[in-house]
Amino acid sequence: MRPFDYNTSAELFPTRGRAAGRRPVQYRRFARASEAIRFAIEELHPDLLRGAYLEVEEQRYDGDGIRRLYEAAEYPLKKKNQAA
């Protein structure tokens, strides 16, 4: 298995159904997967993350997969709660 490329483009697909509530999340395209992952983890409500998925180079990652990519040692961006 090749390493995940955090610098490639990514698409974030929203959840469908009731979890979205009154403020549904729209499909978003990101220049870098790292930005999409950060948005999904730090900005989406956990209920929305549960049903969303990320597509990178024809591979799909569900909410748990997105979280694993964010928590990986290779994740290149500073995390919201990370000390400076």
N, C-alpha and C. Protein backbone atom coordinates (compact mmCIF):
# COMPACT_ATOMS: atom_id res chain seq x y z
N MET A 1 0.84 -1.18 0.00
CA MET A 1 0.00 0.00 0.00
C MET A 1 0.89 1.24 0.00
N ARG A 2 0.60 2.17 -0.88
CA ARG A 2 1.40 3.39 -0.95
C ARG A 2 0.98 4.36 0.15
N PRO A 3 1.89 5.24 0.55
CA PRO A 3 1.56 6.21 1.61
C PRO A 3 0.50 7.20 1.12
N PHE A 4 -0.29 7.70 2.05
CA PHE A 4 -1.32 8.68 1.75
C PHE A 4 -0.66 10.01 1.39
N ASP A 5 -1.12 10.65 0.32
CA ASP A 5 -0.58 11.94 -0.12
C ASP A 5 -1.50 13.06 0.37
N TYR A 6 -1.09 13.74 1.42
CA TYR A 6 -1.87 14.83 1.99
C TYR A 6 -1.90 16.07 1.10
N ASN A 7 -1.06 16.12 0.07
CA ASN A 7 -0.97 17.30 -0.80
C ASN A 7 -1.79 17.20 -2.07
N THR A 8 -2.43 16.09 -2.31
CA THR A 8 -3.24 15.93 -3.51
C THR A 8 -4.64 16.52 -3.27
N SER A 9 -5.38 16.79 -4.33
CA SER A 9 -6.71 17.35 -4.18
C SER A 9 -7.67 16.32 -3.59
N ALA A 10 -8.75 16.83 -2.99
CA ALA A 10 -9.71 15.95 -2.32
C ALA A 10 -11.11 16.52 -2.44
N GLU A 11 -12.09 15.64 -2.35
CA GLU A 11 -13.49 16.04 -2.36
C GLU A 11 -14.15 15.52 -1.09
N LEU A 12 -14.91 16.38 -0.44
CA LEU A 12 -15.63 16.01 0.77
C LEU A 12 -17.11 15.97 0.44
N PHE A 13 -17.72 14.82 0.63
CA PHE A 13 -19.13 14.63 0.34
C PHE A 13 -19.90 14.62 1.65
N PRO A 14 -20.99 15.40 1.72
CA PRO A 14 -21.74 15.52 2.96
C PRO A 14 -22.56 14.28 3.28
N THR A 15 -23.00 14.27 4.51
CA THR A 15 -23.92 13.24 4.95
C THR A 15 -25.28 13.46 4.30
N ARG A 16 -26.05 12.44 4.24
CA ARG A 16 -27.42 12.57 3.74
C ARG A 16 -28.37 12.18 4.86
N GLY A 17 -29.50 12.81 4.89
CA GLY A 17 -30.50 12.43 5.88
C GLY A 17 -30.62 13.42 7.01
N ARG A 18 -31.17 12.95 8.11
CA ARG A 18 -31.54 13.81 9.23
C ARG A 18 -30.35 14.38 9.98
N ALA A 19 -29.21 13.75 9.96
CA ALA A 19 -28.06 14.23 10.72
C ALA A 19 -27.65 15.65 10.32
N ALA A 20 -27.94 16.03 9.09
CA ALA A 20 -27.56 17.36 8.63
C ALA A 20 -28.39 18.46 9.28
N GLY A 21 -29.59 18.13 9.74
CA GLY A 21 -30.42 19.12 10.42
C GLY A 21 -30.77 20.29 9.53
N ARG A 22 -30.80 21.48 10.11
CA ARG A 22 -31.20 22.67 9.37
C ARG A 22 -30.06 23.27 8.57
N ARG A 23 -28.83 22.90 8.88
CA ARG A 23 -27.67 23.48 8.19
C ARG A 23 -26.88 22.39 7.48
N PRO A 24 -27.40 21.89 6.37
CA PRO A 24 -26.69 20.81 5.69
C PRO A 24 -25.35 21.28 5.14
N VAL A 25 -24.40 20.39 5.11
CA VAL A 25 -23.08 20.68 4.57
C VAL A 25 -23.11 20.34 3.09
N GLN A 26 -22.57 21.23 2.30
CA GLN A 26 -22.53 21.03 0.86
C GLN A 26 -21.24 20.30 0.46
N TYR A 27 -21.28 19.71 -0.72
CA TYR A 27 -20.09 19.11 -1.32
C TYR A 27 -19.01 20.20 -1.40
N ARG A 28 -17.78 19.83 -1.08
CA ARG A 28 -16.67 20.78 -1.17
C ARG A 28 -15.47 20.10 -1.79
N ARG A 29 -14.76 20.86 -2.60
CA ARG A 29 -13.52 20.39 -3.21
C ARG A 29 -12.39 21.20 -2.58
N PHE A 30 -11.29 20.51 -2.26
CA PHE A 30 -10.15 21.14 -1.61
C PHE A 30 -8.90 20.91 -2.47
N ALA A 31 -8.03 21.90 -2.49
CA ALA A 31 -6.78 21.78 -3.25
C ALA A 31 -5.87 20.72 -2.63
N ARG A 32 -5.93 20.59 -1.30
CA ARG A 32 -5.09 19.59 -0.61
C ARG A 32 -5.95 18.76 0.34
N ALA A 33 -5.69 17.48 0.37
CA ALA A 33 -6.41 16.57 1.25
C ALA A 33 -6.25 16.97 2.71
N SER A 34 -5.08 17.48 3.08
CA SER A 34 -4.86 17.88 4.47
C SER A 34 -5.86 18.94 4.90
N GLU A 35 -6.21 19.87 4.01
CA GLU A 35 -7.18 20.92 4.32
C GLU A 35 -8.59 20.33 4.46
N ALA A 36 -8.92 19.39 3.60
CA ALA A 36 -10.23 18.74 3.68
C ALA A 36 -10.38 17.97 4.98
N ILE A 37 -9.31 17.28 5.37
CA ILE A 37 -9.32 16.50 6.61
C ILE A 37 -9.47 17.42 7.80
N ARG A 38 -8.72 18.51 7.81
CA ARG A 38 -8.82 19.46 8.92
C ARG A 38 -10.24 20.04 9.01
N PHE A 39 -10.81 20.41 7.87
CA PHE A 39 -12.18 20.93 7.86
C PHE A 39 -13.15 19.90 8.43
N ALA A 40 -13.05 18.67 7.97
CA ALA A 40 -13.97 17.63 8.40
C ALA A 40 -13.89 17.38 9.91
N ILE A 41 -12.69 17.34 10.45
CA ILE A 41 -12.51 17.04 11.87
C ILE A 41 -12.78 18.25 12.75
N GLU A 42 -12.29 19.40 12.35
CA GLU A 42 -12.36 20.57 13.23
C GLU A 42 -13.61 21.42 13.04
N GLU A 43 -14.27 21.32 11.90
CA GLU A 43 -15.42 22.19 11.64
C GLU A 43 -16.76 21.47 11.60
N LEU A 44 -16.77 20.23 11.18
CA LEU A 44 -18.05 19.50 11.09
C LEU A 44 -18.48 19.00 12.46
N HIS A 45 -19.76 19.02 12.69
CA HIS A 45 -20.32 18.40 13.89
C HIS A 45 -20.08 16.89 13.77
N PRO A 46 -19.79 16.21 14.88
CA PRO A 46 -19.51 14.76 14.81
C PRO A 46 -20.60 13.95 14.12
N ASP A 47 -21.87 14.35 14.25
CA ASP A 47 -22.94 13.63 13.56
C ASP A 47 -22.82 13.77 12.05
N LEU A 48 -22.35 14.92 11.59
CA LEU A 48 -22.17 15.13 10.16
C LEU A 48 -20.96 14.35 9.64
N LEU A 49 -19.92 14.29 10.45
CA LEU A 49 -18.72 13.55 10.05
C LEU A 49 -19.04 12.07 9.90
N ARG A 50 -19.88 11.56 10.76
CA ARG A 50 -20.21 10.13 10.74
C ARG A 50 -20.74 9.68 9.38
N GLY A 51 -21.51 10.51 8.70
CA GLY A 51 -22.09 10.10 7.42
C GLY A 51 -21.36 10.62 6.20
N ALA A 52 -20.37 11.48 6.40
CA ALA A 52 -19.64 12.06 5.28
C ALA A 52 -18.53 11.12 4.82
N TYR A 53 -18.03 11.39 3.63
CA TYR A 53 -16.83 10.67 3.18
C TYR A 53 -15.95 11.58 2.35
N LEU A 54 -14.69 11.23 2.35
CA LEU A 54 -13.66 11.97 1.64
C LEU A 54 -13.17 11.10 0.49
N GLU A 55 -13.02 11.70 -0.67
CA GLU A 55 -12.48 10.96 -1.81
C GLU A 55 -11.17 11.59 -2.25
N VAL A 56 -10.12 10.77 -2.28
CA VAL A 56 -8.79 11.21 -2.66
C VAL A 56 -8.21 10.17 -3.60
N GLU A 57 -7.86 10.60 -4.81
CA GLU A 57 -7.28 9.70 -5.81
C GLU A 57 -8.09 8.41 -5.96
N GLU A 58 -9.40 8.57 -6.09
CA GLU A 58 -10.33 7.46 -6.30
C GLU A 58 -10.45 6.51 -5.11
N GLN A 59 -9.94 6.89 -3.96
CA GLN A 59 -10.10 6.12 -2.72
C GLN A 59 -11.08 6.87 -1.83
N ARG A 60 -11.96 6.15 -1.17
CA ARG A 60 -12.94 6.77 -0.27
C ARG A 60 -12.59 6.46 1.18
N TYR A 61 -12.80 7.47 2.02
CA TYR A 61 -12.55 7.36 3.45
C TYR A 61 -13.80 7.83 4.19
N ASP A 62 -14.33 6.96 5.04
CA ASP A 62 -15.50 7.33 5.84
C ASP A 62 -15.05 8.18 7.03
N GLY A 63 -15.98 8.51 7.91
CA GLY A 63 -15.66 9.35 9.06
C GLY A 63 -14.52 8.80 9.91
N ASP A 64 -14.52 7.49 10.15
CA ASP A 64 -13.43 6.88 10.93
C ASP A 64 -12.11 6.96 10.17
N GLY A 65 -12.15 6.76 8.87
CA GLY A 65 -10.94 6.85 8.06
C GLY A 65 -10.39 8.27 8.04
N ILE A 66 -11.27 9.25 7.97
CA ILE A 66 -10.84 10.66 8.00
C ILE A 66 -10.17 10.96 9.33
N ARG A 67 -10.75 10.48 10.41
CA ARG A 67 -10.17 10.70 11.75
C ARG A 67 -8.79 10.05 11.85
N ARG A 68 -8.62 8.85 11.32
CA ARG A 68 -7.32 8.17 11.35
C ARG A 68 -6.27 8.97 10.58
N LEU A 69 -6.65 9.52 9.43
CA LEU A 69 -5.72 10.35 8.66
C LEU A 69 -5.32 11.60 9.44
N TYR A 70 -6.26 12.19 10.16
CA TYR A 70 -6.00 13.39 10.96
C TYR A 70 -5.07 13.08 12.14
N GLU A 71 -5.26 11.93 12.73
CA GLU A 71 -4.49 11.55 13.92
C GLU A 71 -3.13 10.93 13.59
N ALA A 72 -2.88 10.65 12.32
CA ALA A 72 -1.62 10.03 11.91
C ALA A 72 -0.44 10.97 12.16
N ALA A 73 0.69 10.40 12.49
CA ALA A 73 1.91 11.19 12.73
C ALA A 73 2.31 11.97 11.47
N GLU A 74 1.94 11.48 10.30
CA GLU A 74 2.31 12.12 9.04
C GLU A 74 1.44 13.33 8.69
N TYR A 75 0.34 13.54 9.42
CA TYR A 75 -0.55 14.66 9.11
C TYR A 75 0.24 15.95 9.19
N PRO A 76 0.27 16.76 8.10
CA PRO A 76 1.21 17.89 8.02
C PRO A 76 0.78 19.21 8.64
N LEU A 77 -0.48 19.40 8.93
CA LEU A 77 -0.94 20.70 9.42
C LEU A 77 -1.03 20.74 10.94
N LYS A 78 -0.92 21.94 11.47
CA LYS A 78 -1.09 22.13 12.91
C LYS A 78 -2.54 21.86 13.27
N LYS A 79 -2.76 21.12 14.33
CA LYS A 79 -4.10 20.77 14.75
C LYS A 79 -4.65 21.83 15.69
N LYS A 80 -5.96 21.96 15.69
CA LYS A 80 -6.65 23.00 16.43
C LYS A 80 -6.24 23.06 17.90
N ASN A 81 -6.14 21.95 18.56
CA ASN A 81 -5.82 21.92 19.99
C ASN A 81 -4.35 21.60 20.27
N GLN A 82 -3.52 21.73 19.26
CA GLN A 82 -2.11 21.41 19.40
C GLN A 82 -1.35 22.62 19.95
N ALA A 83 -0.47 22.38 20.88
CA ALA A 83 0.34 23.47 21.46
C ALA A 83 1.24 24.07 20.38
N ALA A 84 1.48 25.36 20.48
CA ALA A 84 2.31 26.06 19.49
C ALA A 84 3.77 25.69 19.58
